[in-house]
Amino acid sequence: MYKSEKIILASASPRRKEILERNGVKFEIFVPKGEEKNIVGEKYSETLVNDCAVEKAKSVGANATIVSCDTVVVNDGIIIGKPKDREDAISILRSLSGKTHIVASSVCVMKGEEIKVAHEITKVTFRELREKEIEDYIDRCNPLDKAGSYGIQDEGFNFAVKVDGNLDNVIGFPMNSFKKIIKI
């Protein structure tokens, strides 16, 4: 559908860039201007995440195929964002310890008035975490730019004992859903 057209990724995320490059997608980056809608602390819904992805795409306003994505971590039905600081990161990882949470992403592909959105969920189970290993991880990897206070792809990350679904979704871009939309 969009294979030969100019694609713009509406994101500053190095993880999204890396996933698309690894999959051979040719694109340019345009970082959306303006404030991103804050949904941290909200009750999770697919519609809420879809709407955030669509808003990002619409903010670009370019004459091209625009790809945007919103990824959230959800614990006990509530959306967790990026930590405010080190102490918040520790608190978030404590709350995920020994539990299963979800990572939900909505990817939007927009060309003119045509908008297609897909939503993907991956379940991630963490083992019980010790306080020292939480602090060591935060000091070593500085995950303050990551929802849920972790990067599953980080070197030495071993908190997850089970991932049920697409790992790329957890890293930050639901490649499987994107491929279905653009029919690669």
C-alpha atoms as a PDB file:
ATOM      1  CA  MET A   1       0.000   0.000   0.000  1.00  0.00           C
ATOM      2  CA  TYR A   2       2.652   2.572   1.026  1.00  0.00           C
ATOM      3  CA  LYS A   3       5.882   0.791   0.085  1.00  0.00           C
ATOM      4  CA  SER A   4       7.185   3.224  -2.532  1.00  0.00           C
ATOM      5  CA  GLU A   5       5.976   6.413  -0.866  1.00  0.00           C
ATOM      6  CA  LYS A   6       7.838   8.801   1.378  1.00  0.00           C
ATOM      7  CA  ILE A   7       7.320   7.792   5.011  1.00  0.00           C
ATOM      8  CA  ILE A   8       7.754  10.157   7.932  1.00  0.00           C
ATOM      9  CA  LEU A   9       8.180   8.748  11.441  1.00  0.00           C
ATOM     10  CA  ALA A  10       6.600  11.175  13.899  1.00  0.00           C
ATOM     11  CA  SER A  11       8.866  10.312  16.813  1.00  0.00           C
ATOM     12  CA  ALA A  12      12.156  11.143  18.468  1.00  0.00           C
ATOM     13  CA  SER A  13      12.466   7.629  19.913  1.00  0.00           C
ATOM     14  CA  PRO A  14      15.788   5.982  19.092  1.00  0.00           C
ATOM     15  CA  ARG A  15      14.150   2.595  19.735  1.00  0.00           C
ATOM     16  CA  ARG A  16      11.440   3.154  17.114  1.00  0.00           C
ATOM     17  CA  LYS A  17      14.058   4.333  14.641  1.00  0.00           C
ATOM     18  CA  GLU A  18      16.165   1.226  15.260  1.00  0.00           C
ATOM     19  CA  ILE A  19      13.216  -1.183  14.883  1.00  0.00           C
ATOM     20  CA  LEU A  20      12.133   0.368  11.575  1.00  0.00           C
ATOM     21  CA  GLU A  21      15.696   0.400  10.224  1.00  0.00           C
ATOM     22  CA  ARG A  22      16.222  -3.228  11.277  1.00  0.00           C
ATOM     23  CA  ASN A  23      13.118  -4.121   9.270  1.00  0.00           C
ATOM     24  CA  GLY A  24      14.283  -2.286   6.138  1.00  0.00           C
ATOM     25  CA  VAL A  25      11.734   0.538   6.254  1.00  0.00           C
ATOM     26  CA  LYS A  26      12.939   3.743   4.568  1.00  0.00           C
ATOM     27  CA  PHE A  27      11.771   6.860   6.394  1.00  0.00           C
ATOM     28  CA  GLU A  28      12.582  10.348   7.593  1.00  0.00           C
ATOM     29  CA  ILE A  29      12.114  11.564  11.139  1.00  0.00           C
ATOM     30  CA  PHE A  30       9.965  14.512  12.102  1.00  0.00           C
ATOM     31  CA  VAL A  31       9.570  15.193  15.798  1.00  0.00           C
ATOM     32  CA  PRO A  32       6.014  16.370  16.519  1.00  0.00           C
ATOM     33  CA  LYS A  33       5.799  19.851  17.968  1.00  0.00           C
ATOM     34  CA  GLY A  34       3.785  20.684  21.030  1.00  0.00           C
ATOM     35  CA  GLU A  35       2.922  18.949  24.243  1.00  0.00           C
ATOM     36  CA  GLU A  36       2.222  15.231  24.192  1.00  0.00           C
ATOM     37  CA  LYS A  37      -1.079  14.370  25.850  1.00  0.00           C
ATOM     38  CA  ASN A  38      -0.424  13.171  29.398  1.00  0.00           C
ATOM     39  CA  ILE A  39      -2.374   9.979  30.117  1.00  0.00           C
ATOM     40  CA  VAL A  40      -0.250   8.781  33.044  1.00  0.00           C
ATOM     41  CA  GLY A  41      -2.437   7.650  35.915  1.00  0.00           C
ATOM     42  CA  GLU A  42      -5.449   7.208  33.649  1.00  0.00           C
ATOM     43  CA  LYS A  43      -7.377   3.963  33.483  1.00  0.00           C
ATOM     44  CA  TYR A  44      -6.092   2.085  30.445  1.00  0.00           C
ATOM     45  CA  SER A  45      -8.234   1.844  27.335  1.00  0.00           C
ATOM     46  CA  GLU A  46      -7.340   0.969  23.767  1.00  0.00           C
ATOM     47  CA  THR A  47      -9.186   4.071  22.569  1.00  0.00           C
ATOM     48  CA  LEU A  48      -7.084   6.378  24.743  1.00  0.00           C
ATOM     49  CA  VAL A  49      -3.803   5.006  23.360  1.00  0.00           C
ATOM     50  CA  ASN A  50      -5.162   5.019  19.778  1.00  0.00           C
ATOM     51  CA  ASP A  51      -6.158   8.672  20.140  1.00  0.00           C
ATOM     52  CA  CYS A  52      -2.649   9.625  21.319  1.00  0.00           C
ATOM     53  CA  ALA A  53      -1.071   7.947  18.275  1.00  0.00           C
ATOM     54  CA  VAL A  54      -3.480   9.704  15.894  1.00  0.00           C
ATOM     55  CA  GLU A  55      -2.840  13.102  17.533  1.00  0.00           C
ATOM     56  CA  LYS A  56       0.911  12.658  16.995  1.00  0.00           C
ATOM     57  CA  ALA A  57       0.405  11.864  13.300  1.00  0.00           C
ATOM     58  CA  LYS A  58      -1.931  14.822  12.797  1.00  0.00           C
ATOM     59  CA  SER A  59       0.567  17.203  14.412  1.00  0.00           C
ATOM     60  CA  VAL A  60       3.084  16.601  11.602  1.00  0.00           C
ATOM     61  CA  GLY A  61       0.964  18.004   8.785  1.00  0.00           C
ATOM     62  CA  ALA A  62       3.286  16.868   5.994  1.00  0.00           C
ATOM     63  CA  ASN A  63       2.288  15.735   2.522  1.00  0.00           C
ATOM     64  CA  ALA A  64       3.507  12.165   2.996  1.00  0.00           C
ATOM     65  CA  THR A  65       2.669   8.919   4.719  1.00  0.00           C
ATOM     66  CA  ILE A  66       3.035   9.619   8.413  1.00  0.00           C
ATOM     67  CA  VAL A  67       3.696   6.896  10.971  1.00  0.00           C
ATOM     68  CA  SER A  68       3.240   7.565  14.669  1.00  0.00           C
ATOM     69  CA  CYS A  69       3.082   5.398  17.732  1.00  0.00           C
ATOM     70  CA  ASP A  70       2.147   5.604  21.386  1.00  0.00           C
ATOM     71  CA  THR A  71       3.356   2.944  23.818  1.00  0.00           C
ATOM     72  CA  VAL A  72       2.264   2.660  27.437  1.00  0.00           C
ATOM     73  CA  VAL A  73       2.987   0.354  30.333  1.00  0.00           C
ATOM     74  CA  VAL A  74      -0.111  -0.672  32.272  1.00  0.00           C
ATOM     75  CA  ASN A  75      -0.013  -2.036  35.814  1.00  0.00           C
ATOM     76  CA  ASP A  76      -3.228  -3.053  37.556  1.00  0.00           C
ATOM     77  CA  GLY A  77      -5.250  -1.277  34.838  1.00  0.00           C
ATOM     78  CA  ILE A  78      -3.508   2.086  35.285  1.00  0.00           C
ATOM     79  CA  ILE A  79      -1.134   3.700  32.766  1.00  0.00           C
ATOM     80  CA  ILE A  80       2.409   4.189  34.023  1.00  0.00           C
ATOM     81  CA  GLY A  81       4.567   6.756  32.311  1.00  0.00           C
ATOM     82  CA  LYS A  82       8.212   7.636  32.281  1.00  0.00           C
ATOM     83  CA  PRO A  83       9.617   8.172  35.764  1.00  0.00           C
ATOM     84  CA  LYS A  84      10.009  11.732  37.007  1.00  0.00           C
ATOM     85  CA  ASP A  85      13.307  10.949  38.715  1.00  0.00           C
ATOM     86  CA  ARG A  86      15.393   8.140  40.209  1.00  0.00           C
ATOM     87  CA  GLU A  87      13.096   7.649  43.223  1.00  0.00           C
ATOM     88  CA  ASP A  88      10.034   7.414  40.974  1.00  0.00           C
ATOM     89  CA  ALA A  89      11.843   4.832  38.806  1.00  0.00           C
ATOM     90  CA  ILE A  90      12.578   2.743  41.910  1.00  0.00           C
ATOM     91  CA  SER A  91       8.943   2.971  42.991  1.00  0.00           C
ATOM     92  CA  ILE A  92       7.672   1.944  39.547  1.00  0.00           C
ATOM     93  CA  LEU A  93       9.976  -1.085  39.348  1.00  0.00           C
ATOM     94  CA  ARG A  94       8.957  -2.112  42.884  1.00  0.00           C
ATOM     95  CA  SER A  95       5.315  -2.006  41.749  1.00  0.00           C
ATOM     96  CA  LEU A  96       6.100  -4.307  38.785  1.00  0.00           C
ATOM     97  CA  SER A  97       8.117  -6.784  40.859  1.00  0.00           C
ATOM     98  CA  GLY A  98       6.693 -10.320  40.852  1.00  0.00           C
ATOM     99  CA  LYS A  99       3.742  -9.350  38.670  1.00  0.00           C
ATOM    100  CA  THR A 100       2.486  -9.433  35.110  1.00  0.00           C
ATOM    101  CA  HIS A 101       1.853  -6.086  33.446  1.00  0.00           C
ATOM    102  CA  ILE A 102       1.015  -5.152  29.880  1.00  0.00           C
ATOM    103  CA  VAL A 103       2.736  -3.028  27.294  1.00  0.00           C
ATOM    104  CA  ALA A 104       0.181  -1.596  24.875  1.00  0.00           C
ATOM    105  CA  SER A 105       1.005   0.247  21.676  1.00  0.00           C
ATOM    106  CA  SER A 106      -1.069   1.925  19.030  1.00  0.00           C
ATOM    107  CA  VAL A 107       0.501   2.577  15.659  1.00  0.00           C
ATOM    108  CA  CYS A 108      -1.087   5.066  13.278  1.00  0.00           C
ATOM    109  CA  VAL A 109      -0.461   5.326   9.548  1.00  0.00           C
ATOM    110  CA  MET A 110      -1.933   8.484   8.020  1.00  0.00           C
ATOM    111  CA  LYS A 111      -1.953   9.643   4.420  1.00  0.00           C
ATOM    112  CA  GLY A 112      -4.059  12.694   3.786  1.00  0.00           C
ATOM    113  CA  GLU A 113      -7.486  12.005   5.221  1.00  0.00           C
ATOM    114  CA  GLU A 114      -6.932   8.234   5.379  1.00  0.00           C
ATOM    115  CA  ILE A 115      -6.040   7.067   8.888  1.00  0.00           C
ATOM    116  CA  LYS A 116      -5.393   3.474   9.895  1.00  0.00           C
ATOM    117  CA  VAL A 117      -4.686   2.460  13.479  1.00  0.00           C
ATOM    118  CA  ALA A 118      -3.716  -0.878  14.999  1.00  0.00           C
ATOM    119  CA  HIS A 119      -3.366  -1.735  18.660  1.00  0.00           C
ATOM    120  CA  GLU A 120      -1.109  -4.405  20.110  1.00  0.00           C
ATOM    121  CA  ILE A 121      -0.694  -5.790  23.618  1.00  0.00           C
ATOM    122  CA  THR A 122       2.210  -7.766  25.066  1.00  0.00           C
ATOM    123  CA  LYS A 123       2.163  -9.243  28.568  1.00  0.00           C
ATOM    124  CA  VAL A 124       5.413  -9.071  30.536  1.00  0.00           C
ATOM    125  CA  THR A 125       6.003 -10.963  33.781  1.00  0.00           C
ATOM    126  CA  PHE A 126       8.727  -9.835  36.164  1.00  0.00           C
ATOM    127  CA  ARG A 127      10.318 -12.049  38.768  1.00  0.00           C
ATOM    128  CA  GLU A 128      10.543 -10.814  42.378  1.00  0.00           C
ATOM    129  CA  LEU A 129      13.116  -8.016  42.423  1.00  0.00           C
ATOM    130  CA  ARG A 130      15.497  -7.130  45.223  1.00  0.00           C
ATOM    131  CA  GLU A 131      15.906  -3.465  46.155  1.00  0.00           C
ATOM    132  CA  LYS A 132      19.654  -3.506  45.425  1.00  0.00           C
ATOM    133  CA  GLU A 133      19.207  -4.891  41.904  1.00  0.00           C
ATOM    134  CA  ILE A 134      16.532  -2.286  41.137  1.00  0.00           C
ATOM    135  CA  GLU A 135      18.891   0.492  42.244  1.00  0.00           C
ATOM    136  CA  ASP A 136      21.853  -1.048  40.404  1.00  0.00           C
ATOM    137  CA  TYR A 137      19.811  -1.314  37.193  1.00  0.00           C
ATOM    138  CA  ILE A 138      18.664   2.314  37.418  1.00  0.00           C
ATOM    139  CA  ASP A 139      22.191   3.540  38.110  1.00  0.00           C
ATOM    140  CA  ARG A 140      23.644   1.447  35.277  1.00  0.00           C
ATOM    141  CA  CYS A 141      20.996   2.011  32.570  1.00  0.00           C
ATOM    142  CA  ASN A 142      19.342   5.307  33.582  1.00  0.00           C
ATOM    143  CA  PRO A 143      15.868   4.367  32.272  1.00  0.00           C
ATOM    144  CA  LEU A 144      14.298   7.771  32.971  1.00  0.00           C
ATOM    145  CA  ASP A 145      13.267   8.115  29.306  1.00  0.00           C
ATOM    146  CA  LYS A 146      11.357   4.816  29.265  1.00  0.00           C
ATOM    147  CA  ALA A 147       7.758   4.135  30.229  1.00  0.00           C
ATOM    148  CA  GLY A 148       7.688   1.659  33.087  1.00  0.00           C
ATOM    149  CA  SER A 149      11.257   2.600  34.078  1.00  0.00           C
ATOM    150  CA  TYR A 150      12.874  -0.178  32.090  1.00  0.00           C
ATOM    151  CA  GLY A 151      14.196  -1.139  28.697  1.00  0.00           C
ATOM    152  CA  ILE A 152      13.780  -4.846  28.104  1.00  0.00           C
ATOM    153  CA  GLN A 153      16.535  -4.581  25.478  1.00  0.00           C
ATOM    154  CA  ASP A 154      19.040  -3.054  27.924  1.00  0.00           C
ATOM    155  CA  GLU A 155      22.264  -4.991  28.356  1.00  0.00           C
ATOM    156  CA  GLY A 156      22.048  -7.231  31.398  1.00  0.00           C
ATOM    157  CA  PHE A 157      18.305  -6.678  31.881  1.00  0.00           C
ATOM    158  CA  ASN A 158      16.984  -9.882  33.462  1.00  0.00           C
ATOM    159  CA  PHE A 159      13.845  -8.851  35.339  1.00  0.00           C
ATOM    160  CA  ALA A 160      11.405 -10.334  32.804  1.00  0.00           C
ATOM    161  CA  VAL A 161      10.799 -14.073  33.149  1.00  0.00           C
ATOM    162  CA  LYS A 162       8.063 -14.254  30.518  1.00  0.00           C
ATOM    163  CA  VAL A 163       7.041 -12.195  27.499  1.00  0.00           C
ATOM    164  CA  ASP A 164       3.726 -13.176  25.954  1.00  0.00           C
ATOM    165  CA  GLY A 165       3.552 -11.353  22.616  1.00  0.00           C
ATOM    166  CA  ASN A 166       5.774  -9.244  20.391  1.00  0.00           C
ATOM    167  CA  LEU A 167       9.101  -8.171  21.926  1.00  0.00           C
ATOM    168  CA  ASP A 168       9.379  -5.199  19.512  1.00  0.00           C
ATOM    169  CA  ASN A 169       6.139  -3.916  21.025  1.00  0.00           C
ATOM    170  CA  VAL A 170       7.771  -3.878  24.464  1.00  0.00           C
ATOM    171  CA  ILE A 171      10.827  -2.106  23.056  1.00  0.00           C
ATOM    172  CA  GLY A 172       8.544   0.579  21.652  1.00  0.00           C
ATOM    173  CA  PHE A 173       7.145  -0.151  18.203  1.00  0.00           C
ATOM    174  CA  PRO A 174       4.548  -2.817  17.259  1.00  0.00           C
ATOM    175  CA  MET A 175       6.187  -3.906  13.998  1.00  0.00           C
ATOM    176  CA  ASN A 176       3.731  -6.763  13.398  1.00  0.00           C
ATOM    177  CA  SER A 177       0.770  -4.390  13.536  1.00  0.00           C
ATOM    178  CA  PHE A 178       2.557  -1.840  11.352  1.00  0.00           C
ATOM    179  CA  LYS A 179       3.250  -4.488   8.690  1.00  0.00           C
ATOM    180  CA  LYS A 180      -0.430  -5.460   8.644  1.00  0.00           C
ATOM    181  CA  ILE A 181      -1.489  -1.850   8.116  1.00  0.00           C
ATOM    182  CA  ILE A 182       0.917  -1.184   5.253  1.00  0.00           C
ATOM    183  CA  LYS A 183       0.701  -4.768   3.953  1.00  0.00           C
ATOM    184  CA  ILE A 184       4.432  -5.495   3.748  1.00  0.00           C
END
